[in-house]
Each structure stands twice: as structure tokens, then as C-alpha cells.
Protein backbone atom coordinates (compact mmCIF):
# COMPACT_ATOMS: atom_id res chain seq x y z
CA MET A 1 -33.03 -8.04 29.12
CA SER A 2 -29.10 -8.50 29.42
CA ALA A 3 -27.29 -7.04 32.26
CA ALA A 4 -25.66 -4.56 30.05
CA LYS A 5 -28.86 -3.31 28.64
CA THR A 6 -30.22 -3.00 32.10
CA LEU A 7 -27.18 -0.73 33.20
CA ARG A 8 -27.78 1.25 29.87
CA THR A 9 -31.37 1.73 30.93
CA LEU A 10 -30.21 2.96 34.34
CA LEU A 11 -27.66 5.34 32.90
CA ALA A 12 -30.30 6.84 30.75
CA GLY A 13 -32.38 7.75 33.82
CA ASN A 14 -31.95 10.73 36.20
CA ARG A 15 -31.02 8.72 39.27
CA ALA A 16 -27.70 8.48 41.15
CA LEU A 17 -27.19 5.00 42.29
CA ILE A 18 -24.66 3.48 44.96
CA ALA A 19 -22.89 0.45 43.68
CA PRO A 20 -21.41 -1.55 46.48
CA ALA A 21 -18.26 -3.45 46.30
CA VAL A 22 -18.87 -7.21 46.32
CA PHE A 23 -16.15 -9.94 46.13
CA ASN A 24 -18.01 -13.05 45.90
CA PRO A 25 -21.48 -14.70 45.18
CA LEU A 26 -22.70 -14.48 48.96
CA THR A 27 -21.81 -10.74 49.16
CA ALA A 28 -23.35 -10.09 45.69
CA LYS A 29 -26.64 -11.78 47.04
CA LEU A 30 -26.68 -9.76 50.11
CA ALA A 31 -26.31 -6.63 48.25
CA GLU A 32 -29.11 -7.62 46.02
CA ALA A 33 -31.28 -8.45 49.11
CA ALA A 34 -30.43 -4.90 50.69
CA GLY A 35 -31.92 -3.39 47.54
CA PHE A 36 -29.08 -2.19 45.43
CA GLU A 37 -29.54 -2.19 41.65
CA VAL A 38 -25.88 -2.24 40.46
CA LEU A 39 -22.73 -3.84 41.88
CA TYR A 40 -18.91 -3.11 41.64
CA LEU A 41 -16.14 -5.69 41.50
CA GLY A 42 -13.46 -3.36 42.86
CA GLY A 43 -9.86 -4.36 42.24
CA GLY A 44 -8.95 -2.94 45.56
CA THR A 45 -11.40 -5.08 47.28
CA ILE A 46 -10.44 -8.32 45.49
CA GLY A 47 -6.60 -7.47 46.05
CA TYR A 48 -7.30 -7.07 49.91
CA LEU A 49 -9.15 -10.30 50.05
CA ASN A 50 -6.20 -12.05 48.33
CA CYS A 51 -3.85 -10.42 50.82
CA CYS A 52 -2.32 -8.43 48.10
CA LEU A 53 -3.07 -5.31 46.28
CA GLU A 54 -4.95 -4.24 43.02
CA ALA A 55 -1.44 -3.98 41.43
CA ASN A 56 -0.80 -7.74 41.93
CA LEU A 57 -4.07 -8.95 40.16
CA ASN A 58 -4.58 -9.83 36.64
CA ILE A 59 -7.62 -9.98 34.32
CA THR A 60 -8.09 -13.68 34.44
CA GLN A 61 -8.46 -13.48 38.39
CA LEU A 62 -11.06 -10.70 38.02
CA CYS A 63 -12.97 -12.54 35.23
CA GLN A 64 -13.09 -15.69 37.33
CA ALA A 65 -14.48 -13.74 40.37
CA GLY A 66 -17.09 -12.07 38.00
CA ILE A 67 -18.16 -15.56 36.65
CA ASP A 68 -18.73 -16.75 40.08
CA ILE A 69 -20.87 -13.78 41.05
CA ARG A 70 -22.83 -13.77 38.01
CA ALA A 71 -23.67 -17.43 38.44
CA ALA A 72 -25.45 -16.38 41.61
CA CYS A 73 -26.67 -12.82 41.00
CA SER A 74 -28.04 -11.22 37.68
CA LEU A 75 -27.67 -7.73 38.74
CA PRO A 76 -25.39 -5.48 36.52
CA LEU A 77 -21.74 -5.92 37.61
CA ILE A 78 -19.17 -3.25 36.95
CA LEU A 79 -15.62 -4.26 36.59
CA ASP A 80 -12.93 -2.21 37.90
CA GLY A 81 -10.50 -3.05 35.04
CA ALA A 82 -7.41 -0.97 36.65
CA ALA A 83 -5.38 0.26 33.68
CA GLY A 84 -6.97 -2.18 31.23
CA PHE A 85 -4.02 -4.81 31.57
CA GLY A 86 -1.81 -3.46 28.64
CA ASP A 87 -1.59 -0.97 25.71
CA PRO A 88 -4.17 -0.28 23.04
CA MET A 89 -3.68 -3.77 21.36
CA HIS A 90 -4.31 -5.52 24.80
CA MET A 91 -7.53 -3.81 25.01
CA HIS A 92 -9.05 -6.61 22.63
CA HIS A 93 -8.31 -9.19 24.98
CA THR A 94 -9.24 -7.53 28.19
CA ILE A 95 -12.57 -6.25 26.85
CA THR A 96 -13.65 -9.73 25.10
CA MET A 97 -12.73 -11.47 28.47
CA ALA A 98 -14.73 -9.00 30.72
CA GLU A 99 -17.76 -9.40 28.18
CA ALA A 100 -17.48 -13.21 28.19
CA ALA A 101 -17.31 -13.20 32.12
CA GLY A 102 -20.73 -11.25 32.10
CA PHE A 103 -19.84 -8.00 33.30
CA ALA A 104 -22.02 -5.13 32.18
CA ALA A 105 -19.19 -2.57 32.11
CA ILE A 106 -15.54 -2.06 32.71
CA GLU A 107 -13.68 1.01 34.09
CA ILE A 108 -10.29 1.69 32.74
CA GLU A 109 -8.13 4.47 34.19
CA ASP A 110 -5.06 6.40 32.86
CA GLN A 111 -2.37 4.90 35.12
CA ILE A 112 0.86 3.25 34.18
CA LEU A 113 1.29 -0.62 34.02
CA PRO A 114 2.17 -2.48 36.15
CA LYS A 115 0.43 -0.32 38.89
CA ARG A 116 2.34 0.45 41.91
CA ALA A 117 1.48 0.10 45.56
CA HIS A 118 1.92 3.92 45.80
CA HIS A 119 -1.39 4.16 43.99
CA HIS A 120 -3.08 3.19 47.37
CA VAL A 121 -1.61 6.05 49.12
CA GLY A 122 -2.44 8.75 46.65
CA THR A 123 0.51 8.76 44.41
CA GLU A 124 -0.72 8.58 40.84
CA HIS A 125 1.59 7.66 37.78
CA MET A 126 -0.37 8.65 34.79
CA VAL A 127 0.21 7.78 31.21
CA PRO A 128 0.12 10.48 28.51
CA LEU A 129 -3.45 11.55 27.37
CA GLU A 130 -2.76 10.23 23.86
CA LEU A 131 -2.15 6.85 25.00
CA MET A 132 -5.08 6.52 27.17
CA ALA A 133 -7.30 7.88 24.56
CA ALA A 134 -6.03 5.25 22.17
CA LYS A 135 -6.75 2.58 24.74
CA VAL A 136 -10.48 3.72 25.01
CA SER A 137 -10.84 3.97 21.43
CA GLU A 138 -9.59 0.42 20.95
CA ALA A 139 -11.76 -0.75 23.94
CA VAL A 140 -14.77 0.35 22.16
CA LYS A 141 -13.69 -1.21 18.89
CA ALA A 142 -13.06 -4.59 20.74
CA ARG A 143 -16.67 -4.88 22.49
CA ARG A 144 -19.06 -7.33 20.70
CA ASP A 145 -22.01 -6.20 22.57
CA PRO A 146 -22.96 -2.57 21.88
CA ASP A 147 -24.61 -2.13 25.22
CA PHE A 148 -21.46 -3.14 27.11
CA VAL A 149 -20.38 0.11 28.95
CA ILE A 150 -16.93 1.60 28.60
CA ILE A 151 -15.95 3.84 31.57
CA ALA A 152 -12.90 6.07 31.44
CA ARG A 153 -11.30 7.15 34.53
CA THR A 154 -8.89 9.89 35.53
CA ASN A 155 -7.56 10.75 38.74
CA ALA A 156 -5.73 13.88 37.36
CA ILE A 157 -7.64 16.15 39.67
CA ARG A 158 -5.30 14.97 42.56
CA GLY A 159 -2.32 15.53 40.21
CA PRO A 160 -0.10 18.47 39.51
CA GLY A 161 -2.27 19.65 36.59
CA GLY A 162 -5.38 19.65 38.87
CA MET A 163 -8.84 20.20 37.52
CA SER A 164 -7.85 21.58 34.25
CA ASP A 165 -5.82 18.51 33.30
CA ALA A 166 -8.61 16.37 34.39
CA ILE A 167 -11.08 18.06 32.23
CA LYS A 168 -8.96 18.01 29.13
CA ARG A 169 -8.33 14.31 29.59
CA ALA A 170 -11.85 13.49 30.19
CA ARG A 171 -12.87 15.40 27.00
CA ALA A 172 -10.35 13.53 24.96
CA TYR A 173 -11.56 9.97 26.46
CA CYS A 174 -15.16 11.01 25.84
CA GLU A 175 -14.09 11.90 22.03
CA ALA A 176 -12.49 8.50 21.85
CA GLY A 177 -15.85 6.81 22.53
CA ALA A 178 -16.08 6.42 26.22
CA ASP A 179 -19.76 5.86 27.41
CA MET A 180 -19.07 7.11 30.82
CA LEU A 181 -16.54 9.27 32.65
CA TYR A 182 -15.08 8.62 36.14
CA LEU A 183 -13.46 11.77 37.61
CA SER A 184 -12.08 11.32 41.28
CA VAL A 185 -13.82 14.53 42.57
CA ARG A 186 -12.77 15.46 46.11
CA ASN A 187 -15.69 17.74 47.18
CA VAL A 188 -18.97 19.28 46.17
CA GLU A 189 -17.30 22.06 44.17
CA ASP A 190 -15.37 19.53 42.06
CA ALA A 191 -18.62 17.62 41.45
CA ARG A 192 -20.23 20.71 40.25
CA THR A 193 -17.27 21.68 37.90
CA VAL A 194 -17.16 18.24 36.37
CA ALA A 195 -21.06 18.47 35.73
CA ARG A 196 -20.53 21.96 34.23
CA GLU A 197 -17.70 21.16 32.04
CA LEU A 198 -18.23 17.75 30.71
CA PRO A 199 -21.18 15.54 29.09
CA PRO A 200 -22.90 13.03 31.60
CA PRO A 201 -23.18 10.27 32.77
CA PHE A 202 -20.61 10.44 35.65
CA MET A 203 -19.19 8.10 38.04
CA PHE A 204 -17.06 8.45 41.07
CA GLY A 205 -16.04 6.59 44.18
CA LEU A 206 -17.77 7.45 47.51
CA PRO A 207 -15.12 8.39 50.15
CA GLY A 208 -17.24 7.32 53.12
CA HIS A 209 -20.17 5.12 54.23
CA GLY A 210 -23.31 5.94 52.33
CA ALA A 211 -24.67 8.62 50.29
CA GLN A 212 -23.75 11.21 52.91
CA GLY A 213 -20.08 10.70 51.89
CA ALA A 214 -20.66 12.45 48.55
CA GLY A 215 -21.46 15.71 50.20
CA LEU A 216 -24.58 16.15 48.19
CA PRO A 217 -28.06 14.40 48.08
CA LEU A 218 -28.58 11.61 45.66
CA ALA A 219 -31.25 13.65 44.03
CA GLU A 220 -29.11 16.64 43.32
CA LEU A 221 -26.09 14.32 42.17
CA GLY A 222 -28.60 12.62 39.72
CA ALA A 223 -29.59 16.04 38.52
CA LEU A 224 -26.02 16.86 37.79
CA GLY A 225 -25.46 13.79 35.73
CA TYR A 226 -23.92 11.36 38.27
CA ARG A 227 -25.17 7.81 37.82
CA ILE A 228 -22.91 5.34 39.62
CA LEU A 229 -21.25 6.14 43.04
CA ALA A 230 -19.10 3.26 43.70
CA SER A 231 -18.59 2.26 47.52
CA SER A 232 -15.43 0.13 48.33
CA ILE A 233 -16.02 -0.23 52.27
CA SER A 234 -16.97 -3.87 51.81
CA ALA A 235 -13.46 -5.24 52.38
CA TRP A 236 -12.87 -2.98 55.63
CA ALA A 237 -16.24 -4.18 57.00
CA PHE A 238 -15.47 -7.87 56.38
CA HIS A 239 -12.09 -7.35 57.82
CA ARG A 240 -13.19 -5.79 61.12
CA ALA A 241 -16.12 -8.18 61.51
CA MET A 242 -14.11 -11.40 60.86
CA LYS A 243 -11.24 -9.95 62.98
CA GLN A 244 -13.52 -9.45 65.78
CA SER A 245 -15.17 -12.88 65.42
CA TYR A 246 -11.88 -14.96 65.37
CA GLU A 247 -10.65 -12.80 68.25
CA CYS A 248 -13.60 -13.67 70.38
CA LEU A 249 -13.61 -17.30 69.56
CA ALA A 250 -9.90 -17.59 70.46
CA ARG A 251 -10.56 -15.92 73.86
CA GLY A 252 -13.73 -17.90 74.27
CA GLU A 253 -15.95 -14.81 74.43
CA PRO A 254 -19.27 -14.02 73.01
CA ASP A 255 -19.09 -12.57 69.21
CA PRO A 256 -20.40 -9.25 69.11
CA THR A 257 -21.29 -9.77 65.17
CA MET A 258 -23.71 -12.28 66.53
CA ALA A 259 -25.45 -9.96 68.98
CA GLY A 260 -29.37 -10.28 68.65
CA THR A 261 -29.28 -13.42 67.06
CA THR A 262 -28.26 -17.06 67.56
CA HIS A 263 -26.09 -19.35 65.51
CA LYS A 264 -29.14 -21.48 64.39
CA ASP A 265 -31.01 -18.49 63.49
CA GLU A 266 -28.22 -17.11 61.32
CA GLN A 267 -27.86 -20.36 59.65
CA HIS A 268 -31.23 -20.19 58.56
CA ALA A 269 -30.84 -16.69 57.34
CA LEU A 270 -27.73 -17.87 55.42
CA HIS A 271 -29.60 -20.67 54.03
CA ASP A 272 -32.41 -18.08 52.84
CA THR A 273 -29.85 -15.84 51.14
CA ILE A 274 -28.34 -18.66 49.07
CA ASP A 275 -31.92 -20.23 48.45
CA MET A 276 -31.25 -23.64 49.85
CA ASP A 277 -34.86 -24.65 49.93
CA ARG A 278 -34.69 -24.46 45.87
CA MET A 279 -31.60 -26.91 45.98
CA LEU A 280 -33.30 -29.37 48.45
CA ALA A 281 -36.55 -29.20 46.16
CA VAL A 282 -34.43 -30.34 43.21
CA GLU A 283 -32.89 -33.34 45.29
CA LYS A 284 -36.43 -34.17 46.65
CA ALA A 285 -37.72 -34.43 42.99
CA THR A 286 -34.93 -36.39 41.71
CA VAL A 287 -32.56 -38.38 43.92
CA GLU A 288 -34.25 -38.44 47.64
CA LYS A 289 -37.49 -40.11 46.55
């Protein structure tokens, strides 16, 4: 079963799934080992890891990251496709690139291009509804795999038009052919309003760590039609852990991230994660006789 088909099957169920942000093959393998079923390549996360912002990225960079991850991990991977990297005509290039890179889905939002740094502080610069609907429509036409999932996102709830504008936009995007709607709900009331006014499945970004950040149990979110809860905390956790590690190394102090283990034990654990024994077995059978 293809990754896109697997994702379609999950979306057809009644469970809300957390999709953690990953940014390279190792993080994807660790997320898989932790039991996650869907992964999220967040633009914000990749931007941070490149010491820039989502606004500075292009589709080629994201697709290369996707190829690297998919080479090591077969779980469905959702691409945060920002604003689609262009107008309706450009969607054909963006979608075929994303499919070729092995993504199971792409999330496209109704923001201006190029995106601005102010996006990261809550200032939204939205395009007209009609333009975004045309982009969604062309994205649907561009896909070659009918299982590839098109996710239309709007942050309009936080804008001057509030929930009414967000619902209006989401309906138009659904009519344009979007398979899934991503509305940036702020609280439980928003989540229930979206479920009452729009057809599922839904997606949104978790504001905190774990399912408790959603304000509702996963089972209740699943019953409301929510299927994907994207978590983007990975970049922050990585930043904190590595900052502590480097600072301790510079001071000659024990690394708190290594508490309860040894360097040798952690090296063995890392080798298990990347399945080093499999690679050694190939060498033993071929060139190390």
C-alpha cells in the first residue's frame, strides 16, 4: 500500500492522530519507533533548522528533505507546502514535485507570496478567497495519484473576519476539491464550531506538548472529525537539548541530556535506530569475507 493510500485509510477512520514534526531521517525513525503513524514536515521546523524562516524556503529544499526522510522511513509524510509557492499555474509544479518526493499529502494555506517573517508573530497576510480556491482547484487537477491528499489551510479565524470568514473560506476550498480542511482553531469552542459548520476530515496544529494541548481528549476530537493534529515542537526540543549539550561540553560539565545512560550505551541505541546491523550484514556477506 502506498503512503498516500495508507494516509487515506487513516483519514477514513474515526481517530485523531498526532503527527509530529520531523526534519531529517533520524528524527523520522525516532518518531516511528515512538509509535506515531503519520509524520509532518513543517516549514517552520525546517526553516529554524536552516537558521532562517519558513518564508525563506523553496519547494526544492522541502522536497529534498522529504526524499531523505522517505528513504529511511515509510510512514505517510505530510508536507507543509506554505502558500503553494506560486499562483494557480504554479500549483502544477508544486504538486508534481511533492508527489515525486514521496509525500502523502500537501498542506497549502491562503497567505501571500512571498511569505513574511510577520507570519511567525501572528500577523496574517491573506490572499482573496477566489485566488486560493483557484489554487486548490489546480492542485487537485495537478495530482497524478488520486490518493495524494490536498489539505487547504486558513488562519482566518485569527483575522478581522474571525470565524465567519474562516468558515466561508473553508467551504469554498472544500468546493474547489480540497480533501481536508486545516483551520487554526484557538480553543475548544472553535473546534466544535468548525465541526458543526464544515465537512470533515479536519487538521490543526497543536499549541502545546502532546494531546492535552488540544483541550479535548483525542477520542472526542476524533468523533468531531479531526484526524491530524500537527505538532511542531521538535525544533524547540532540538534547540534546547543541543544548546545544553554544547554549553556543558564547553564548560567541561556532565551533559544533562545524557543522564541515566552512557556514551557507549547511547551509541548502541543510535545504531539500533538506524539499523546498523543490517548494513554490517550486507558487508559481511559481500566484501568482508
